[in-house]
């Protein structure tokens, strides 16, 4: 039988670290020197926990005798204890998990390997619940939640089903060999590598071929196996789709299966549609890509890896509008993952295609820590762009990335105030997007300026009283934010300007009495606020006495330009 891993393959896995499909466990107790073998019961508990978590999720590989940093440190147990450890998946789990186990020699140490399959139903550790694998972490989930996923996978699990009419001759083995070269088992004969990932399986006469193998590596034309497994890219001239004689949609291109080729083809097509610029114009970003590279690439790869391939009536689509990028793929989110859990940044790893995900993760095309969408949100925020939007319904999951900075984040009143200040566009930009805190590094990245320029401009903001230092610990860079008096201005203007805008759109001017009625104030409070709005450049005062009127000093805009 082919070994689980050769020593060279093991070294590759150790160098890549832990993730959704790989876990390291040390076999040593280092609480007091010198090191001693970890207690057998404690190690059995850890093995049971990880094996059950892998079995309840997408399967995986547990390596005992490896420290968290990937150092192979071996173990100190005699043979009968090793046999006892290898028996844990049978003795401690219900139902038992049929792992492949192996002892692998690395230099003078020995690693214990557990290759864990996907279990058909929820696996419980005796008297200790139901673990589940999310990224490099193990969490606890209700039995019914895990079984709900299992049932969905069995019911609509397209990828693991064998195609009786397909043989390995229907696979482009040269493509498979080249694609899998980047995986830890890339030096094996190609059929052994495909077998390692469960993409093919040996029976009494020949190899059986899964849908996952055909999706990834079918010989072209591969659409005969799934005629809508590809992706299409569209460009819209504008922000909305128009039809008929005003049609503004162009199909830029398409990438058809096999996915091993399509994933790179679609990345290249999309890359040419993500615009780049070389300069800043006013307050707008024109010196960077429209979207952070990780954000758009992860959105595309997720669409390929997690779509529902049982749906054969539509393809995955990528739409480039002037103000946004939409990626829509067949198949809604699988419970318990919801749009809200993703938006809130909670780790989640539920996929209807664990075989595809594992191959794409091992080729390092996608991340396998269960935090891809979380990082997309973080990358967009770090680039000062609007928060992505997600929808799941009507048989589709769509993620939308916006290429405009979120000028509205801190309100139209604050935008007016900042626009009115006599400071540089760079300084306005940071005040608009980060009034509650920014570092010099934020300033440099946002404005594409040198550290010296950033430091000088921040010092100017401090001297003007527009920002001040926030308390920070010694290990953190200094952080700057608007002081309390400017925060009061921000809150005041954000409350007043929207209603003033509506009123002054209907009427050319207003009196003190109008202002009092609008905000339910007494005459003196209204007069103080009107004078403050005049000082802040929002209104201009005309006339005297009872004839005093207030007009817009300049258009009170939705956003500064």
Protein backbone atom coordinates (compact mmCIF):
# COMPACT_ATOMS: atom_id res chain seq x y z
CA UNK A 1 0.00 0.00 0.00
CA UNK A 2 1.18 3.52 -0.78
CA UNK A 3 2.42 5.24 2.40
CA UNK A 4 0.42 8.14 3.81
CA UNK A 5 3.49 10.35 3.46
CA UNK A 6 7.13 9.94 2.59
CA UNK A 7 9.68 11.73 4.81
CA UNK A 8 10.18 14.35 2.05
CA UNK A 9 6.43 14.94 1.75
CA UNK A 10 6.19 15.25 5.51
CA UNK A 11 8.90 17.92 5.51
CA UNK A 12 6.91 19.93 2.95
CA UNK A 13 3.79 19.78 5.13
CA UNK A 14 5.76 20.77 8.23
CA UNK A 15 7.15 23.80 6.40
CA UNK A 16 3.66 25.00 5.47
CA UNK A 17 2.18 24.88 8.94
CA UNK A 18 -1.24 24.03 10.30
CA UNK A 19 -4.55 24.80 8.63
CA UNK A 20 -8.00 23.47 7.87
CA UNK A 21 -6.64 20.04 6.91
CA UNK A 22 -3.45 19.71 8.97
CA UNK A 23 -2.87 19.63 12.74
CA UNK A 24 0.38 19.26 14.72
CA UNK A 25 0.48 17.82 18.23
CA UNK A 26 3.54 17.66 20.44
CA UNK A 27 4.06 14.45 22.41
CA UNK A 28 6.15 16.13 25.13
CA UNK A 29 5.35 17.80 28.43
CA UNK A 30 7.53 20.89 28.78
CA UNK A 31 5.92 22.43 31.86
CA UNK A 32 9.02 21.57 33.88
CA UNK A 33 12.53 20.70 32.63
CA UNK A 34 13.68 18.28 31.47
CA UNK A 35 11.00 17.39 28.95
CA UNK A 36 9.10 14.18 29.59
CA UNK A 37 6.59 12.26 27.46
CA UNK A 38 3.13 13.76 27.67
CA UNK A 39 0.77 11.74 29.81
CA UNK A 40 -0.86 9.01 27.77
CA UNK A 41 -4.38 9.98 28.78
CA UNK A 42 -3.81 13.63 27.90
CA UNK A 43 -2.43 12.69 24.48
CA UNK A 44 -5.29 10.26 23.84
CA UNK A 45 -7.74 13.06 24.64
CA UNK A 46 -6.01 15.38 22.15
CA UNK A 47 -5.97 12.73 19.42
CA UNK A 48 -9.66 11.99 19.94
CA UNK A 49 -10.51 15.69 19.80
CA UNK A 50 -8.67 16.39 16.55
CA UNK A 51 -9.69 13.19 14.75
CA UNK A 52 -13.37 13.77 15.56
CA UNK A 53 -13.11 17.42 14.46
CA UNK A 54 -11.57 16.43 11.11
CA UNK A 55 -14.11 13.66 10.59
CA UNK A 56 -16.98 16.05 11.31
CA UNK A 57 -15.61 18.60 8.84
CA UNK A 58 -13.69 17.87 5.63
CA UNK A 59 -11.19 15.26 6.83
CA UNK A 60 -7.51 15.96 7.45
CA UNK A 61 -4.10 14.89 8.66
CA UNK A 62 -3.01 14.74 12.31
CA UNK A 63 0.73 14.53 12.98
CA UNK A 64 1.71 13.59 16.53
CA UNK A 65 5.28 14.39 17.47
CA UNK A 66 5.37 17.84 15.87
CA UNK A 67 5.52 21.14 17.76
CA UNK A 68 3.27 24.06 16.83
CA UNK A 69 6.09 25.71 14.87
CA UNK A 70 6.43 22.65 12.61
CA UNK A 71 9.52 21.21 14.34
CA UNK A 72 9.60 17.41 14.27
CA UNK A 73 10.35 16.42 17.89
CA UNK A 74 9.10 12.84 17.84
CA UNK A 75 7.84 10.95 20.88
CA UNK A 76 9.15 8.81 23.72
CA UNK A 77 6.62 5.98 23.85
CA UNK A 78 7.23 2.23 23.53
CA UNK A 79 5.53 0.23 20.80
CA UNK A 80 2.55 -0.91 22.87
CA UNK A 81 1.69 2.72 23.75
CA UNK A 82 1.91 3.74 20.08
CA UNK A 83 -0.51 0.92 19.25
CA UNK A 84 -2.80 2.26 21.99
CA UNK A 85 -2.66 5.76 20.49
CA UNK A 86 -3.42 4.43 17.00
CA UNK A 87 -6.49 2.69 18.44
CA UNK A 88 -8.03 5.92 19.81
CA UNK A 89 -10.25 6.59 16.72
CA UNK A 90 -11.82 3.15 17.21
CA UNK A 91 -12.06 3.09 21.00
CA UNK A 92 -12.87 6.67 21.95
CA UNK A 93 -15.15 7.84 19.16
CA UNK A 94 -18.78 7.06 18.35
CA UNK A 95 -19.17 5.99 15.62
CA UNK A 96 -15.59 4.78 15.20
CA UNK A 97 -13.49 6.54 12.56
CA UNK A 98 -11.49 4.34 10.20
CA UNK A 99 -8.23 6.32 10.01
CA UNK A 100 -5.13 5.25 8.17
CA UNK A 101 -2.19 5.39 10.56
CA UNK A 102 1.54 5.29 10.00
CA UNK A 103 4.89 5.75 11.73
CA UNK A 104 7.19 8.06 9.77
CA UNK A 105 10.90 8.40 10.56
CA UNK A 106 12.34 11.92 10.36
CA UNK A 107 16.07 12.02 11.14
CA UNK A 108 16.28 10.45 14.63
CA UNK A 109 12.62 11.09 15.49
CA UNK A 110 9.38 9.30 14.69
CA UNK A 111 6.12 10.99 13.77
CA UNK A 112 2.73 9.32 14.19
CA UNK A 113 0.41 10.13 11.28
CA UNK A 114 -3.40 9.83 11.30
CA UNK A 115 -5.12 10.30 7.94
CA UNK A 116 -8.72 11.11 8.83
CA UNK A 117 -11.58 10.62 6.33
CA UNK A 118 -14.84 12.58 6.20
CA UNK A 119 -17.35 10.77 8.40
CA UNK A 120 -20.84 10.08 7.02
CA UNK A 121 -22.47 11.22 10.28
CA UNK A 122 -21.57 13.31 13.32
CA UNK A 123 -18.76 11.81 15.41
CA UNK A 124 -18.81 12.17 19.20
CA UNK A 125 -15.98 11.87 21.68
CA UNK A 126 -17.27 9.64 24.43
CA UNK A 127 -18.80 11.96 27.04
CA UNK A 128 -17.16 15.04 25.50
CA UNK A 129 -19.39 16.33 22.71
CA UNK A 130 -18.95 16.95 19.01
CA UNK A 131 -15.78 18.79 17.86
CA UNK A 132 -15.63 20.56 14.49
CA UNK A 133 -12.66 21.88 12.53
CA UNK A 134 -12.61 25.57 11.58
CA UNK A 135 -9.30 26.71 10.13
CA UNK A 136 -6.54 25.66 12.54
CA UNK A 137 -8.99 25.55 15.45
CA UNK A 138 -11.32 23.00 17.02
CA UNK A 139 -14.71 24.19 18.23
CA UNK A 140 -17.78 22.43 19.63
CA UNK A 141 -20.97 22.20 17.56
CA UNK A 142 -24.39 20.61 18.23
CA UNK A 143 -24.82 17.12 16.84
CA UNK A 144 -27.85 18.17 14.80
CA UNK A 145 -25.88 21.00 13.15
CA UNK A 146 -23.11 18.66 12.02
CA UNK A 147 -25.58 16.06 10.79
CA UNK A 148 -27.48 18.74 8.88
CA UNK A 149 -24.28 19.45 6.93
CA UNK A 150 -23.59 15.75 6.43
CA UNK A 151 -27.09 15.17 5.07
CA UNK A 152 -26.76 18.11 2.70
CA UNK A 153 -23.41 16.78 1.46
CA UNK A 154 -24.86 13.32 0.85
CA UNK A 155 -27.99 14.73 -0.79
CA UNK A 156 -26.40 17.28 -3.12
CA UNK A 157 -22.73 16.38 -2.76
CA UNK A 158 -21.74 16.49 -6.39
CA UNK A 159 -17.98 16.23 -6.05
CA UNK A 160 -17.53 12.81 -4.33
CA UNK A 161 -19.85 10.86 -6.60
CA UNK A 162 -18.22 8.43 -9.01
CA UNK A 163 -19.07 8.66 -12.71
CA UNK A 164 -19.49 5.09 -13.97
CA UNK A 165 -19.03 6.19 -17.59
CA UNK A 166 -15.70 7.93 -16.85
CA UNK A 167 -12.21 6.40 -16.76
CA UNK A 168 -8.77 7.83 -16.05
CA UNK A 169 -8.39 8.16 -19.83
CA UNK A 170 -10.93 10.99 -19.58
CA UNK A 171 -8.51 12.91 -17.34
CA UNK A 172 -5.72 15.11 -18.62
CA UNK A 173 -3.04 13.40 -16.56
CA UNK A 174 -0.30 15.76 -17.77
CA UNK A 175 -2.36 18.69 -16.47
CA UNK A 176 -3.02 16.86 -13.19
CA UNK A 177 0.67 16.08 -12.75
CA UNK A 178 1.66 19.69 -13.42
CA UNK A 179 -1.08 21.15 -11.19
CA UNK A 180 -0.45 18.81 -8.26
CA UNK A 181 3.31 19.40 -8.49
CA UNK A 182 2.86 22.25 -6.01
CA UNK A 183 1.23 20.00 -3.39
CA UNK A 184 3.10 18.00 -0.73
CA UNK A 185 2.55 14.81 -2.76
CA UNK A 186 3.51 16.39 -6.07
CA UNK A 187 6.47 14.07 -6.66
CA UNK A 188 4.36 10.92 -6.60
CA UNK A 189 3.14 9.21 -9.76
CA UNK A 190 0.09 11.16 -10.82
CA UNK A 191 -2.42 8.36 -10.15
CA UNK A 192 -1.09 7.97 -6.61
CA UNK A 193 -1.41 11.72 -6.05
CA UNK A 194 -5.00 11.69 -7.31
CA UNK A 195 -5.73 8.72 -5.05
CA UNK A 196 -4.22 10.58 -2.06
CA UNK A 197 -6.84 13.32 -2.46
CA UNK A 198 -9.67 10.82 -3.00
CA UNK A 199 -10.22 12.09 -6.53
CA UNK A 200 -9.96 8.55 -7.90
CA UNK A 201 -10.34 5.21 -6.16
CA UNK A 202 -9.10 1.75 -7.06
CA UNK A 203 -11.68 -1.03 -7.33
CA UNK A 204 -11.24 -4.67 -8.26
CA UNK A 205 -10.71 -3.93 -11.95
CA UNK A 206 -9.70 -0.32 -12.50
CA UNK A 207 -9.82 3.22 -11.17
CA UNK A 208 -13.14 4.88 -10.41
CA UNK A 209 -13.28 8.60 -11.17
CA UNK A 210 -15.11 11.21 -9.09
CA UNK A 211 -16.88 14.32 -10.32
CA UNK A 212 -14.24 16.32 -8.44
CA UNK A 213 -11.50 14.76 -10.59
CA UNK A 214 -13.44 15.58 -13.76
CA UNK A 215 -14.10 19.15 -12.62
CA UNK A 216 -10.41 19.68 -11.97
CA UNK A 217 -8.69 17.67 -14.68
CA UNK A 218 -11.08 16.46 -17.42
CA UNK A 219 -9.69 16.57 -20.93
CA UNK A 220 -11.02 19.47 -22.95
CA UNK A 221 -13.69 19.90 -24.15
CA UNK A 222 -14.71 19.21 -20.55
CA UNK A 223 -18.19 20.75 -20.72
CA UNK A 224 -19.64 17.34 -21.58
CA UNK A 225 -19.22 16.41 -17.91
CA UNK A 226 -20.73 19.64 -16.59
CA UNK A 227 -21.84 22.17 -19.19
CA UNK A 228 -22.04 25.11 -16.73
CA UNK A 229 -18.98 24.55 -14.53
CA UNK A 230 -17.17 27.53 -16.03
CA UNK A 231 -17.02 31.24 -15.25
CA UNK A 232 -17.88 34.35 -17.25
CA UNK A 233 -16.60 37.92 -16.88
CA UNK A 234 -18.70 40.97 -17.82
CA UNK A 235 -17.97 44.70 -17.93
CA UNK A 236 -20.82 47.21 -17.45
CA UNK A 237 -20.36 50.76 -18.75
CA UNK A 238 -21.93 52.49 -15.78
CA UNK A 239 -23.37 51.49 -12.45
CA UNK A 240 -26.57 49.81 -13.68
CA UNK A 241 -27.32 47.32 -16.45
CA UNK A 242 -29.32 48.72 -19.37
CA UNK A 243 -31.07 46.74 -22.07
CA UNK A 244 -32.20 47.13 -25.65
CA UNK A 245 -30.64 49.89 -27.73
CA UNK A 246 -29.03 51.30 -24.57
CA UNK A 247 -27.40 48.00 -23.71
CA UNK A 248 -24.13 48.66 -21.87
CA UNK A 249 -22.87 45.13 -21.11
CA UNK A 250 -19.84 43.50 -22.70
CA UNK A 251 -18.79 39.92 -22.08
CA UNK A 252 -15.05 40.18 -21.55
CA UNK A 253 -14.38 36.47 -21.65
CA UNK A 254 -14.99 33.09 -20.10
CA UNK A 255 -13.03 30.29 -18.52
CA UNK A 256 -14.34 26.78 -19.03
CA UNK A 257 -13.38 23.62 -17.13
CA UNK A 258 -11.20 21.87 -16.25
CA UNK A 259 -10.92 24.06 -13.16
CA UNK A 260 -7.16 23.50 -12.91
CA UNK A 261 -6.91 25.66 -16.03
CA UNK A 262 -10.00 27.82 -15.46
CA UNK A 263 -8.88 29.13 -12.08
CA UNK A 264 -5.75 30.68 -13.58
CA UNK A 265 -7.50 31.82 -16.75
CA UNK A 266 -10.23 33.61 -14.81
CA UNK A 267 -7.65 35.28 -12.55
CA UNK A 268 -5.86 36.63 -15.60
CA UNK A 269 -9.11 37.85 -17.18
CA UNK A 270 -10.13 39.58 -13.96
CA UNK A 271 -6.68 41.04 -13.37
CA UNK A 272 -6.96 43.02 -16.62
CA UNK A 273 -10.32 44.43 -15.47
CA UNK A 274 -9.10 45.61 -12.05
CA UNK A 275 -8.00 49.12 -12.82
CA UNK A 276 -4.80 50.73 -11.65
CA UNK A 277 -3.85 54.40 -11.62
CA UNK A 278 -0.71 56.37 -10.91
CA UNK A 279 -1.88 59.56 -9.24
CA UNK A 280 -4.28 61.12 -6.76
CA UNK A 281 -6.94 63.54 -7.98
CA UNK A 282 -8.54 65.62 -5.25
CA UNK A 283 -9.68 63.38 -2.45
CA UNK A 284 -10.18 60.36 -4.63
CA UNK A 285 -8.00 57.27 -4.79
CA UNK A 286 -6.31 56.99 -8.15
CA UNK A 287 -2.92 55.67 -7.14
CA UNK A 288 -3.81 52.07 -6.24
CA UNK A 289 -5.85 49.16 -7.54
CA UNK A 290 -9.62 49.50 -7.37
CA UNK A 291 -9.76 46.58 -4.95
CA UNK A 292 -7.07 44.99 -2.74
CA UNK A 293 -5.55 42.03 -4.59
CA UNK A 294 -6.40 39.56 -1.84
CA UNK A 295 -10.03 40.74 -1.69
CA UNK A 296 -10.89 40.22 -5.34
CA UNK A 297 -8.77 37.08 -5.76
CA UNK A 298 -10.24 35.40 -2.66
CA UNK A 299 -13.75 36.29 -3.82
CA UNK A 300 -13.15 34.57 -7.16
CA UNK A 301 -11.46 31.49 -5.71
CA UNK A 302 -14.20 31.09 -3.11
CA UNK A 303 -16.78 31.17 -5.88
CA UNK A 304 -14.98 28.33 -7.65
CA UNK A 305 -14.32 26.26 -4.54
CA UNK A 306 -17.66 26.60 -2.75
CA UNK A 307 -20.26 26.84 -5.52
CA UNK A 308 -22.95 24.19 -5.82
CA UNK A 309 -21.93 22.10 -8.82
CA UNK A 310 -25.15 20.13 -8.57
CA UNK A 311 -26.74 23.23 -10.13
CA UNK A 312 -26.10 22.88 -13.85
CA UNK A 313 -28.35 25.64 -15.14
CA UNK A 314 -26.00 28.59 -14.64
CA UNK A 315 -22.34 29.52 -14.35
CA UNK A 316 -20.36 31.57 -11.88
CA UNK A 317 -20.38 35.21 -13.02
CA UNK A 318 -18.03 38.13 -12.34
CA UNK A 319 -19.47 41.58 -13.07
CA UNK A 320 -17.30 44.70 -13.20
CA UNK A 321 -19.35 47.89 -12.78
CA UNK A 322 -17.87 51.38 -12.60
CA UNK A 323 -18.36 51.47 -8.83
CA UNK A 324 -18.26 47.82 -7.79
CA UNK A 325 -17.35 44.20 -8.48
CA UNK A 326 -19.98 41.49 -8.05
CA UNK A 327 -19.13 37.78 -7.90
CA UNK A 328 -22.16 35.48 -7.99
CA UNK A 329 -22.01 31.70 -7.77
CA UNK A 330 -24.75 29.05 -7.74
CA UNK A 331 -25.61 27.77 -4.28
CA UNK A 332 -26.61 29.55 -1.09
CA UNK A 333 -24.60 29.51 2.15
CA UNK A 334 -24.68 26.24 4.04
CA UNK A 335 -26.01 26.40 7.61
CA UNK A 336 -25.07 27.37 10.22
CA UNK A 337 -23.09 29.97 8.23
CA UNK A 338 -25.14 33.06 7.42
CA UNK A 339 -24.42 36.46 5.92
CA UNK A 340 -24.54 37.87 9.46
CA UNK A 341 -21.94 35.42 10.83
CA UNK A 342 -19.59 36.29 7.97
CA UNK A 343 -20.17 40.02 8.35
CA UNK A 344 -19.51 39.82 12.09
CA UNK A 345 -16.12 38.24 11.42
CA UNK A 346 -16.80 34.89 13.06
CA UNK A 347 -14.62 32.05 11.82
CA UNK A 348 -16.53 29.59 9.67
CA UNK A 349 -15.55 26.71 7.47
CA UNK A 350 -18.43 24.89 5.87
CA UNK A 351 -18.10 23.79 2.27
CA UNK A 352 -20.02 21.53 -0.01
CA UNK A 353 -16.75 20.73 -1.85
CA UNK A 354 -14.09 19.72 0.71
CA UNK A 355 -12.14 17.72 -1.87
CA UNK A 356 -11.82 20.72 -4.21
CA UNK A 357 -10.95 22.98 -1.29
CA UNK A 358 -8.20 20.70 -0.06
CA UNK A 359 -6.57 20.48 -3.48
CA UNK A 360 -6.78 24.25 -4.00
CA UNK A 361 -5.42 24.82 -0.49
CA UNK A 362 -2.51 22.42 -0.99
CA UNK A 363 -1.61 24.12 -4.27
CA UNK A 364 -1.71 27.38 -2.25
CA UNK A 365 -4.27 28.89 -4.61
CA UNK A 366 -6.60 29.50 -1.69
CA UNK A 367 -6.23 29.82 2.05
CA UNK A 368 -7.56 27.04 4.25
CA UNK A 369 -7.75 28.74 7.65
CA UNK A 370 -11.50 29.31 7.44
CA UNK A 371 -11.03 33.08 7.50
CA UNK A 372 -10.94 34.08 3.83
CA UNK A 373 -14.07 36.26 3.94
CA UNK A 374 -12.99 37.71 7.29
CA UNK A 375 -9.73 38.81 5.74
CA UNK A 376 -11.54 40.23 2.69
CA UNK A 377 -13.43 42.54 5.05
CA UNK A 378 -10.20 43.46 6.83
CA UNK A 379 -8.34 44.17 3.59
CA UNK A 380 -11.15 46.41 2.33
CA UNK A 381 -11.21 48.32 5.62
CA UNK A 382 -7.41 48.68 5.60
CA UNK A 383 -7.71 50.17 2.11
CA UNK A 384 -10.34 52.62 3.42
CA UNK A 385 -12.99 51.15 1.13
CA UNK A 386 -16.63 50.48 1.87
CA UNK A 387 -17.55 47.28 3.63
CA UNK A 388 -18.40 44.48 1.18
CA UNK A 389 -22.00 43.40 0.81
CA UNK A 390 -23.14 39.78 0.69
CA UNK A 391 -26.44 38.18 -0.22
CA UNK A 392 -27.53 34.56 -0.07
CA UNK A 393 -30.86 33.67 -1.61
CA UNK A 394 -32.72 32.53 -4.73
CA UNK A 395 -30.07 29.86 -5.25
CA UNK A 396 -27.13 32.29 -5.39
CA UNK A 397 -24.40 33.63 -3.14
CA UNK A 398 -23.09 37.06 -4.16
CA UNK A 399 -20.30 39.16 -2.70
CA UNK A 400 -19.95 42.78 -3.80
CA UNK A 401 -16.76 44.83 -3.44
CA UNK A 402 -16.97 48.62 -3.80
CA UNK A 403 -14.15 50.70 -5.24
CA UNK A 404 -15.13 54.02 -3.66
CA UNK A 405 -13.78 55.08 -0.28
CA UNK A 406 -16.42 55.22 2.43
CA UNK A 407 -16.71 58.98 2.65
CA UNK A 408 -20.11 58.61 4.35
CA UNK A 409 -18.68 56.60 7.23
CA UNK A 410 -18.64 59.48 9.69
CA UNK A 411 -21.58 61.46 8.37
CA UNK A 412 -22.36 64.28 5.91
CA UNK A 413 -21.86 66.98 8.52
CA UNK A 414 -18.30 65.90 9.22
CA UNK A 415 -17.67 65.74 5.49
CA UNK A 416 -18.81 69.34 5.11
CA UNK A 417 -16.66 70.51 8.01
CA UNK A 418 -13.52 68.78 6.68
CA UNK A 419 -14.14 70.06 3.18
CA UNK A 420 -14.36 73.61 4.57
CA UNK A 421 -10.98 73.38 6.36
CA UNK A 422 -7.98 75.07 4.75
CA UNK A 423 -5.73 72.02 4.78
CA UNK A 424 -4.30 69.73 2.12
CA UNK A 425 -6.27 66.99 0.37
CA UNK A 426 -4.04 64.40 2.05
CA UNK A 427 -4.95 65.79 5.47
CA UNK A 428 -8.65 65.95 4.58
CA UNK A 429 -8.58 62.36 3.38
CA UNK A 430 -7.31 60.98 6.69
CA UNK A 431 -9.76 63.09 8.73
CA UNK A 432 -12.68 61.90 6.62
CA UNK A 433 -11.87 58.21 6.88
CA UNK A 434 -10.12 57.87 10.23
CA UNK A 435 -11.26 60.66 12.59
CA UNK A 436 -11.25 58.27 15.52
CA UNK A 437 -7.74 56.98 15.10
CA UNK A 438 -4.88 56.61 12.63
CA UNK A 439 -1.16 55.89 12.73
CA UNK A 440 1.59 57.39 10.61
CA UNK A 441 1.62 54.11 8.67
CA UNK A 442 -2.10 54.56 7.89
CA UNK A 443 -1.36 58.07 6.65
CA UNK A 444 1.49 56.89 4.41
CA UNK A 445 -0.54 54.06 2.89
CA UNK A 446 -3.69 56.10 2.34
CA UNK A 447 -1.95 59.06 0.72
CA UNK A 448 1.00 57.33 -0.96
CA UNK A 449 3.47 59.69 0.73
CA UNK A 450 6.90 59.15 2.26
CA UNK A 451 7.34 58.73 6.03
CA UNK A 452 8.89 62.22 6.17
CA UNK A 453 5.92 63.79 4.36
CA UNK A 454 3.43 61.92 6.54
CA UNK A 455 5.17 63.00 9.76
CA UNK A 456 5.25 66.64 8.64
CA UNK A 457 1.58 66.73 7.67
CA UNK A 458 0.50 65.01 10.89
CA UNK A 459 2.51 67.55 12.93
CA UNK A 460 0.64 70.31 11.08
CA UNK A 461 -2.72 68.74 12.00
CA UNK A 462 -1.62 68.54 15.64
CA UNK A 463 -0.46 72.18 15.61
CA UNK A 464 -3.83 73.28 14.22
CA UNK A 465 -5.64 71.40 16.98
CA UNK A 466 -7.38 69.12 14.49
CA UNK A 467 -5.91 65.91 15.92
CA UNK A 468 -4.20 64.88 19.13
CA UNK A 469 -2.27 61.90 20.47
CA UNK A 470 -4.19 58.94 21.85
CA UNK A 471 -2.76 56.94 24.77
CA UNK A 472 -0.77 53.96 23.51
CA UNK A 473 1.44 51.27 25.00
CA UNK A 474 5.18 51.22 24.38
CA UNK A 475 5.00 48.49 21.74
CA UNK A 476 2.39 50.27 19.59
CA UNK A 477 2.99 53.13 17.15
CA UNK A 478 1.56 56.55 18.13
CA UNK A 479 -2.11 56.97 17.23
CA UNK A 480 -3.81 60.27 16.40
CA UNK A 481 -7.50 61.21 16.51
CA UNK A 482 -9.70 64.28 16.50
CA UNK A 483 -9.95 65.91 19.99
CA UNK A 484 -13.20 66.11 22.01
CA UNK A 485 -14.12 69.62 20.80
CA UNK A 486 -13.94 68.48 17.16
CA UNK A 487 -15.91 65.36 18.00
CA UNK A 488 -18.64 67.63 19.38
CA UNK A 489 -18.61 69.55 16.09
CA UNK A 490 -18.82 66.29 14.14
CA UNK A 491 -21.82 65.04 16.13
CA UNK A 492 -23.55 68.45 15.94
CA UNK A 493 -23.13 68.81 12.18
CA UNK A 494 -24.09 65.21 11.43
CA UNK A 495 -27.37 65.81 13.25
CA UNK A 496 -28.16 69.22 11.80
CA UNK A 497 -26.96 69.18 8.18
CA UNK A 498 -29.21 66.43 6.73
CA UNK A 499 -32.40 68.16 7.94
CA UNK A 500 -31.11 71.60 6.98
CA UNK A 501 -30.35 70.25 3.52
CA UNK A 502 -33.90 68.96 3.10
CA UNK A 503 -35.42 72.24 4.30
CA UNK A 504 -33.21 74.48 2.15
CA UNK A 505 -33.91 72.40 -0.92
CA UNK A 506 -37.57 73.35 -0.54
CA UNK A 507 -37.08 76.96 0.57
CA UNK A 508 -34.36 79.43 -0.50
CA UNK A 509 -33.77 80.65 3.08
CA UNK A 510 -34.90 80.19 6.67
CA UNK A 511 -35.65 82.35 9.69
CA UNK A 512 -34.83 81.76 13.34
CA UNK A 513 -38.43 80.61 13.79
CA UNK A 514 -38.03 78.01 11.04
CA UNK A 515 -34.87 76.67 12.70
CA UNK A 516 -36.62 76.54 16.09
CA UNK A 517 -39.50 74.55 14.66
CA UNK A 518 -37.20 72.21 12.75
CA UNK A 519 -35.13 71.21 15.79
CA UNK A 520 -37.56 71.96 18.64
CA UNK A 521 -35.36 74.59 20.30
CA UNK A 522 -35.98 77.82 22.20
CA UNK A 523 -35.15 81.15 20.53
CA UNK A 524 -31.80 81.70 22.27
CA UNK A 525 -30.50 78.14 21.67
CA UNK A 526 -31.54 78.42 18.04
CA UNK A 527 -29.71 81.74 17.67
CA UNK A 528 -26.48 80.27 19.17
CA UNK A 529 -26.59 77.30 16.81
CA UNK A 530 -27.32 79.44 13.76
CA UNK A 531 -24.32 81.63 14.55
CA UNK A 532 -22.17 78.52 14.98
CA UNK A 533 -23.33 77.23 11.60
CA UNK A 534 -22.37 80.58 10.07
CA UNK A 535 -18.89 80.38 11.67
CA UNK A 536 -18.47 76.85 10.36
CA UNK A 537 -19.26 77.95 6.81
CA UNK A 538 -22.51 76.00 6.53
CA UNK A 539 -24.85 79.03 6.37
CA UNK A 540 -24.55 82.72 5.52
CA UNK A 541 -26.53 85.39 7.30
CA UNK A 542 -28.35 88.15 5.39
CA UNK A 543 -30.51 91.03 6.56
CA UNK A 544 -30.87 92.51 10.06
CA UNK A 545 -33.30 92.32 12.94
CA UNK A 546 -36.58 90.62 12.13
CA UNK A 547 -35.52 90.49 8.50
CA UNK A 548 -32.55 88.19 9.22
CA UNK A 549 -32.45 85.17 6.94
CA UNK A 550 -30.06 82.24 6.63
CA UNK A 551 -29.05 80.70 3.33
CA UNK A 552 -26.71 77.97 2.23
CA UNK A 553 -23.15 79.31 2.16
CA UNK A 554 -22.28 76.77 -0.52
CA UNK A 555 -24.00 73.54 -1.60
CA UNK A 556 -24.34 71.22 1.40
CA UNK A 557 -23.18 68.14 -0.45
CA UNK A 558 -23.58 64.46 0.17
CA UNK A 559 -19.80 64.12 0.14
CA UNK A 560 -16.85 66.47 -0.24
CA UNK A 561 -15.17 66.50 -3.61
